[in-house]
Amino acid sequence: MSFVDFQKHCMECKKGKPCGKYHIYALMLQKDVASCDWFIEANPDYVDDMECLYVGMTSHIPKCRASQHQFCHVGNWEGKEYICYCGGAGEMKACSIGTRGSGKIRKYNKYLLRKKLFRRHNPQNDQQSSKEAEESLAEELRKIGYGVWTN
């Protein structure tokens, strides 16, 4: 099987035909998030020159979830749309309560996926295993010096 960009988040997803399972993801954050008290408290072993990340889970593909974070903001999502890539090409879909991005990291989010950090964990069969994989990845990354925020 050839390796294409679409599969970088999960080897079971195919372009235009996602695997239908859950995925975890990691989004890059701006370094100034590391000066926030809540971020410092969550990351006592953060190494200054390491990246700061947001780790989450989704029933979409990670690229869709990144779009939701970008366009569906807490307190300002009604009437807004995000780009869903689950069908291959981008399709505009309405934001909803369930597609809102994390309000805490919104101003620090670079909306860049770090696929090499999460790909090996995907796909997950259900929401519970996805939540456990999200927590496991966050702890794994913290142990090697990354700054990580999860919800």
Protein backbone atom coordinates (compact mmCIF):
# COMPACT_ATOMS: atom_id res chain seq x y z
CA MET A 1 0.00 0.00 0.00
CA SER A 2 1.41 3.37 -0.93
CA PHE A 3 1.70 6.03 1.73
CA VAL A 4 -0.10 9.30 0.98
CA ASP A 5 -0.46 12.54 2.94
CA PHE A 6 -4.07 11.75 3.76
CA GLN A 7 -2.96 8.69 5.74
CA LYS A 8 -0.40 10.42 7.92
CA HIS A 9 -2.82 10.56 10.84
CA CYS A 10 -4.07 6.95 10.53
CA MET A 11 -3.18 4.06 8.23
CA GLU A 12 -6.79 2.81 8.16
CA CYS A 13 -8.29 6.04 6.77
CA LYS A 14 -8.35 6.45 3.00
CA LYS A 15 -8.94 9.63 1.01
CA GLY A 16 -12.69 10.18 0.85
CA LYS A 17 -13.33 7.19 3.12
CA PRO A 18 -12.27 7.66 6.74
CA CYS A 19 -12.07 4.55 8.89
CA GLY A 20 -14.99 5.73 11.04
CA LYS A 21 -13.07 5.26 14.27
CA TYR A 22 -11.82 7.76 16.84
CA HIS A 23 -8.48 9.55 16.52
CA ILE A 24 -6.23 11.44 18.85
CA TYR A 25 -4.24 14.43 17.68
CA ALA A 26 -1.68 17.01 18.78
CA LEU A 27 -1.84 20.68 17.75
CA MET A 28 1.11 23.02 18.12
CA LEU A 29 0.68 25.98 20.47
CA GLN A 30 2.56 29.26 20.63
CA LYS A 31 5.37 29.21 23.19
CA ASP A 32 3.92 32.08 25.23
CA VAL A 33 1.26 29.67 26.56
CA ALA A 34 4.10 28.31 28.73
CA SER A 35 3.93 31.46 30.88
CA CYS A 36 0.28 30.88 31.87
CA ASP A 37 -0.19 29.68 35.46
CA TRP A 38 -2.64 26.93 34.44
CA PHE A 39 -0.18 25.63 31.82
CA ILE A 40 2.78 25.74 34.23
CA GLU A 41 0.77 23.80 36.82
CA ALA A 42 -0.05 21.08 34.27
CA ASN A 43 3.57 20.87 33.06
CA PRO A 44 6.02 20.98 35.97
CA ASP A 45 8.72 19.20 33.90
CA TYR A 46 8.40 21.40 30.80
CA VAL A 47 11.75 22.05 29.10
CA ASP A 48 11.94 25.65 27.79
CA ASP A 49 13.06 24.84 24.24
CA MET A 50 10.48 22.08 23.67
CA GLU A 51 7.19 22.60 21.84
CA CYS A 52 3.90 23.35 23.54
CA LEU A 53 0.97 21.22 22.38
CA TYR A 54 -2.74 20.65 22.75
CA VAL A 55 -3.64 16.94 22.75
CA GLY A 56 -7.23 15.92 22.06
CA MET A 57 -9.47 13.26 20.56
CA THR A 58 -12.08 13.30 17.80
CA SER A 59 -14.56 11.15 15.93
CA HIS A 60 -13.52 13.04 12.77
CA ILE A 61 -10.11 12.94 11.18
CA PRO A 62 -7.60 15.22 12.97
CA LYS A 63 -7.52 17.75 10.11
CA CYS A 64 -11.29 18.30 10.56
CA ARG A 65 -10.86 18.76 14.30
CA ALA A 66 -8.12 21.33 13.71
CA SER A 67 -10.56 23.22 11.46
CA GLN A 68 -13.21 23.06 14.19
CA HIS A 69 -10.74 24.54 16.69
CA GLN A 70 -9.99 27.32 14.22
CA PHE A 71 -13.53 28.31 13.24
CA CYS A 72 -15.90 27.10 15.99
CA HIS A 73 -15.05 29.20 19.04
CA VAL A 74 -16.63 28.89 22.46
CA GLY A 75 -19.18 31.70 22.82
CA ASN A 76 -19.01 32.53 19.11
CA TRP A 77 -19.87 29.37 17.15
CA GLU A 78 -23.48 29.91 16.14
CA GLY A 79 -23.85 30.60 12.42
CA LYS A 80 -20.19 29.73 11.78
CA GLU A 81 -18.82 26.93 9.61
CA TYR A 82 -15.70 24.79 9.56
CA ILE A 83 -14.09 22.75 6.79
CA CYS A 84 -14.70 19.00 7.13
CA TYR A 85 -12.11 16.90 5.28
CA CYS A 86 -13.61 13.49 6.06
CA GLY A 87 -14.89 13.15 2.49
CA GLY A 88 -11.49 13.95 0.97
CA ALA A 89 -12.03 17.46 -0.38
CA GLY A 90 -13.05 20.13 2.10
CA GLU A 91 -16.78 20.52 2.70
CA MET A 92 -18.28 23.37 4.72
CA LYS A 93 -20.30 22.22 7.74
CA ALA A 94 -22.10 24.15 10.45
CA CYS A 95 -20.41 24.54 13.82
CA SER A 96 -22.29 23.06 16.78
CA ILE A 97 -21.84 22.74 20.52
CA GLY A 98 -19.91 19.50 19.91
CA THR A 99 -17.49 21.05 17.39
CA ARG A 100 -16.35 23.98 19.51
CA GLY A 101 -12.62 24.33 20.09
CA SER A 102 -10.98 24.65 23.48
CA GLY A 103 -11.47 28.20 24.74
CA LYS A 104 -8.45 28.03 27.02
CA ILE A 105 -5.90 27.49 24.24
CA ARG A 106 -7.68 29.40 21.46
CA LYS A 107 -5.38 32.42 21.43
CA TYR A 108 -2.26 30.19 21.51
CA ASN A 109 -3.31 27.66 18.86
CA LYS A 110 -1.19 27.57 15.70
CA TYR A 111 -3.59 25.01 14.13
CA LEU A 112 -0.64 22.88 13.00
CA LEU A 113 -0.97 19.15 13.50
CA ARG A 114 2.09 17.24 14.74
CA LYS A 115 1.23 13.91 13.07
CA LYS A 116 4.51 12.20 13.91
CA LEU A 117 3.67 12.52 17.60
CA PHE A 118 0.22 10.89 17.47
CA ARG A 119 -0.06 8.73 14.34
CA ARG A 120 1.00 5.47 16.01
CA HIS A 121 -1.94 5.78 18.43
CA ASN A 122 -4.60 5.87 15.68
CA PRO A 123 -7.20 4.67 15.14
CA GLN A 124 -9.01 4.02 18.41
CA ASN A 125 -12.08 1.79 18.43
CA ASP A 126 -14.28 3.78 20.80
CA GLN A 127 -14.53 6.96 22.83
CA GLN A 128 -13.20 5.36 26.03
CA SER A 129 -10.06 3.93 24.40
CA SER A 130 -9.55 7.26 22.62
CA LYS A 131 -9.74 9.15 25.93
CA GLU A 132 -7.21 6.75 27.48
CA ALA A 133 -4.88 7.11 24.47
CA GLU A 134 -5.18 10.92 24.68
CA GLU A 135 -4.20 10.89 28.36
CA SER A 136 -1.39 8.40 27.73
CA LEU A 137 0.07 10.48 24.87
CA ALA A 138 -0.12 13.67 26.95
CA GLU A 139 1.80 12.02 29.81
CA GLU A 140 4.32 10.45 27.43
CA LEU A 141 5.03 13.85 25.86
CA ARG A 142 5.26 15.60 29.24
CA LYS A 143 7.83 13.05 30.44
CA ILE A 144 10.17 13.97 27.60
CA GLY A 145 9.79 17.73 28.19
CA TYR A 146 6.91 18.90 25.99
CA GLY A 147 4.35 21.28 27.41
CA VAL A 148 0.91 19.72 26.95
CA TRP A 149 -2.66 20.86 27.57
CA THR A 150 -5.70 18.60 27.39
CA ASN A 151 -9.34 19.18 28.34
